[in-house]
Protein backbone atom coordinates (compact mmCIF):
# COMPACT_ATOMS: atom_id res chain seq x y z
CA MET A 1 97.74 63.59 71.48
CA SER A 2 97.30 64.54 67.90
CA THR A 3 99.70 61.92 65.67
CA LYS A 4 101.28 63.47 62.57
CA PRO A 5 100.13 61.43 59.46
CA ARG A 6 103.30 59.45 58.01
CA ILE A 7 103.26 60.25 54.24
CA ALA A 8 105.51 58.34 51.50
CA VAL A 9 107.23 59.97 48.36
CA ILE A 10 106.75 57.18 45.99
CA VAL A 11 109.18 57.43 43.00
CA GLY A 12 107.33 55.68 39.86
CA SER A 13 109.86 55.18 38.02
CA THR A 14 113.49 53.06 37.83
CA ARG A 15 115.07 54.14 34.63
CA PRO A 16 118.48 54.84 34.55
CA THR A 17 118.13 58.34 33.15
CA ARG A 18 114.99 59.03 34.69
CA PHE A 19 113.62 62.50 35.44
CA ALA A 20 111.67 61.39 38.64
CA ASP A 21 114.42 62.57 41.09
CA VAL A 22 113.77 66.10 40.13
CA PRO A 23 110.35 66.32 41.31
CA ALA A 24 110.42 63.38 43.70
CA GLN A 25 112.96 65.64 46.03
CA TRP A 26 110.94 69.01 45.54
CA ILE A 27 107.91 67.60 46.81
CA LEU A 28 109.58 65.91 49.79
CA LYS A 29 110.89 69.04 50.55
CA GLN A 30 107.74 70.98 50.24
CA ALA A 31 105.75 67.93 52.43
CA GLN A 32 108.71 68.31 54.86
CA ALA A 33 108.81 71.65 55.24
CA ARG A 34 104.88 71.98 56.21
CA GLY A 35 105.71 70.33 59.54
CA ASP A 36 101.97 68.72 59.86
CA MET A 37 103.22 65.27 58.43
CA ASP A 38 105.95 62.88 58.46
CA VAL A 39 107.06 62.07 54.98
CA GLU A 40 110.07 59.87 53.71
CA LEU A 41 111.03 58.64 49.99
CA VAL A 42 110.24 55.48 48.88
CA ASP A 43 111.99 54.52 45.43
CA LEU A 44 110.65 51.76 43.39
CA ARG A 45 114.77 50.99 42.52
CA ASP A 46 114.98 49.80 46.50
CA HIS A 47 112.16 47.49 45.87
CA PRO A 48 113.34 45.15 43.21
CA LEU A 49 109.45 43.60 42.22
CA PRO A 50 109.03 40.91 40.31
CA PHE A 51 105.85 41.14 37.83
CA PHE A 52 102.90 40.05 40.02
CA ASP A 53 102.73 36.80 39.15
CA GLU A 54 100.79 35.25 42.60
CA VAL A 55 98.05 33.21 42.89
CA ALA A 56 95.71 36.04 43.67
CA SER A 57 95.68 39.65 45.29
CA ASN A 58 97.00 39.66 48.77
CA MET A 59 93.67 40.72 49.53
CA TRP A 60 92.81 36.85 49.00
CA ALA A 61 95.48 34.97 49.54
CA PRO A 62 99.09 35.83 51.33
CA SER A 63 101.96 36.90 49.10
CA ARG A 64 104.62 34.47 48.57
CA ASN A 65 107.58 36.49 46.90
CA PRO A 66 109.93 38.04 49.68
CA GLU A 67 110.47 41.12 47.79
CA ALA A 68 106.69 41.30 47.38
CA ILE A 69 106.07 40.77 51.42
CA ARG A 70 108.95 43.36 52.22
CA TRP A 71 107.08 46.02 49.52
CA GLN A 72 103.66 45.66 51.70
CA GLU A 73 105.67 45.58 55.29
CA THR A 74 106.90 48.87 53.77
CA ILE A 75 104.30 50.63 52.53
CA ALA A 76 101.89 49.46 55.35
CA ARG A 77 103.74 51.64 57.23
CA PHE A 78 102.08 54.91 55.64
CA ASP A 79 98.79 56.75 56.47
CA GLY A 80 98.76 58.58 52.99
CA TYR A 81 101.48 58.68 49.79
CA ILE A 82 102.26 61.06 47.25
CA PHE A 83 102.98 59.41 43.94
CA VAL A 84 105.63 60.95 41.62
CA THR A 85 104.57 59.76 38.02
CA ALA A 86 105.25 59.96 34.38
CA GLU A 87 103.31 59.84 31.68
CA TYR A 88 104.06 56.98 29.08
CA ASN A 89 102.08 56.23 25.98
CA HIS A 90 99.37 57.91 27.93
CA SER A 91 98.94 55.86 31.27
CA ILE A 92 101.43 55.41 34.70
CA THR A 93 104.67 53.88 34.20
CA GLY A 94 104.75 49.73 34.44
CA VAL A 95 106.72 49.70 37.17
CA LEU A 96 104.18 52.13 39.45
CA LYS A 97 101.24 50.01 38.07
CA ASN A 98 103.02 46.60 38.90
CA ALA A 99 103.80 47.98 42.70
CA LEU A 100 100.53 49.14 42.99
CA ASP A 101 99.29 45.59 41.72
CA GLN A 102 101.88 43.80 44.19
CA ALA A 103 99.46 45.29 47.22
CA TYR A 104 96.15 45.57 48.58
CA LYS A 105 95.33 45.27 52.14
CA GLU A 106 97.83 48.02 52.39
CA TRP A 107 96.36 50.96 50.35
CA ILE A 108 92.51 50.60 51.59
CA ARG A 109 91.35 53.30 52.62
CA LYS A 110 94.46 55.58 52.82
CA PRO A 111 94.52 58.52 50.68
CA PHE A 112 97.32 59.70 48.12
CA THR A 113 97.73 62.82 45.68
CA ALA A 114 100.82 62.87 42.57
CA ILE A 115 102.69 65.34 41.12
CA GLY A 116 103.02 64.41 37.03
CA TYR A 117 105.59 65.22 34.36
CA GLY A 118 106.12 65.10 30.69
CA GLY A 119 104.75 67.24 27.95
CA THR A 120 101.29 67.41 29.10
CA GLY A 121 102.61 67.44 32.86
CA GLY A 122 101.65 63.49 33.49
CA VAL A 123 97.67 64.80 33.08
CA ARG A 124 96.25 61.03 31.74
CA ALA A 125 98.93 58.87 33.83
CA ILE A 126 97.51 61.01 36.56
CA GLU A 127 93.98 60.16 35.55
CA HIS A 128 94.61 56.26 35.41
CA LEU A 129 96.67 56.14 38.90
CA ARG A 130 93.06 57.36 39.85
CA LEU A 131 91.37 54.55 38.48
CA ILE A 132 93.68 52.10 39.55
CA ALA A 133 93.35 53.76 43.19
CA ILE A 134 89.45 53.59 43.32
CA GLU A 135 89.81 49.58 42.79
CA LEU A 136 92.51 49.54 45.56
CA GLN A 137 89.50 51.55 47.82
CA MET A 138 91.98 54.82 48.55
CA VAL A 139 90.67 58.16 48.80
CA SER A 140 92.47 60.32 45.73
CA THR A 141 92.70 64.51 46.33
CA HIS A 142 91.11 66.87 44.18
CA ALA A 143 94.42 68.80 43.82
CA THR A 144 97.10 67.38 42.24
CA ALA A 145 100.37 69.25 40.77
CA HIS A 146 101.50 69.17 37.03
CA ILE A 147 105.29 69.94 35.69
CA GLY A 148 104.16 70.12 32.38
CA GLY A 149 104.95 72.30 28.71
CA SER A 150 107.52 74.85 28.76
CA ASP A 151 107.95 74.24 32.57
CA PHE A 152 109.06 70.65 31.94
CA PHE A 153 111.54 71.46 28.92
CA ALA A 154 113.04 74.20 30.90
CA VAL A 155 113.70 71.97 33.82
CA HIS A 156 114.53 68.50 31.47
CA PRO A 157 118.44 67.66 31.70
CA ALA A 158 118.04 66.75 27.98
CA PHE A 159 116.68 70.02 27.52
CA GLY A 160 116.77 73.52 28.97
CA ASN A 161 118.16 71.62 32.68
CA LYS A 162 117.35 74.43 34.79
CA PRO A 163 116.60 74.05 38.63
CA ILE A 164 113.42 73.29 39.55
CA GLU A 165 113.11 76.58 41.63
CA GLU A 166 112.93 78.68 38.35
CA ILE A 167 109.39 77.15 37.82
CA GLU A 168 108.80 76.77 41.38
CA ALA A 169 106.05 79.62 41.70
CA ASN A 170 103.60 77.73 38.81
CA LEU A 171 103.86 74.86 41.01
CA LEU A 172 103.57 76.09 44.72
CA PRO A 173 99.63 76.91 44.25
CA SER A 174 98.52 73.29 42.67
CA THR A 175 101.26 71.57 45.26
CA THR A 176 99.74 73.55 48.42
CA ALA A 177 96.53 72.74 47.63
CA ALA A 178 97.55 68.84 46.99
CA LEU A 179 99.30 68.99 50.35
CA ASP A 180 96.73 70.13 52.29
CA GLU A 181 94.29 67.59 51.03
CA LEU A 182 96.10 65.03 51.72
CA PHE A 183 96.61 65.88 55.31
CA TRP A 184 93.11 66.16 55.76
CA TRP A 185 92.35 63.03 54.40
CA ALA A 186 94.78 61.30 56.31
CA LYS A 187 93.69 62.63 59.45
CA ALA A 188 90.17 61.96 58.69
CA THR A 189 90.96 58.33 58.02
CA MET A 190 93.12 58.06 60.61
CA ALA A 191 90.78 58.66 63.07
CA ALA A 192 88.22 57.15 61.33
CA LYS A 193 90.30 53.60 61.99
CA SER A 194 90.97 54.66 65.43
CA ALA A 195 87.18 54.75 65.53
CA GLY A 196 86.41 51.44 64.51
CA ALA A 197 84.79 52.78 61.44
């Protein structure tokens, strides 16, 4: 019997005025509609992590902070991830980087994709995310989704404030490809782990 991959949509911003909820809810809906994966929203607002201050990564020494341990337990439940990330100064948000640093064992050999947003669609943030994830021994999809340029300004509340469905046609091709790849890699890595690889 085939088991559906468990996928977390990780909201990578905690600012009170964040835009992240719009793409997070949209990609959550797209992933859930497929029916081939179990998808859950994981909001970093619900995980008030300290700045990383452990003696070492939990790959080498157990974490001591209760919030770090709760975060590790949360992400350990999933077989893959969809990161929702803004682009801050050509990179990911500080809170997302800190969340990535607060675990290690839980990320290993698991796939991820991302949806980025901002003036350039978060492309540089996602490239940085990939570099970080390589060190965490994760698997990146080739395809990712980007809300940028006029589409970003059309749906952002401070500008056009249009519903995201108005730009959906521009997002669906890359999103479908990203989710297809995420599903494939999740099944492949799950099978390899089951086989003891």
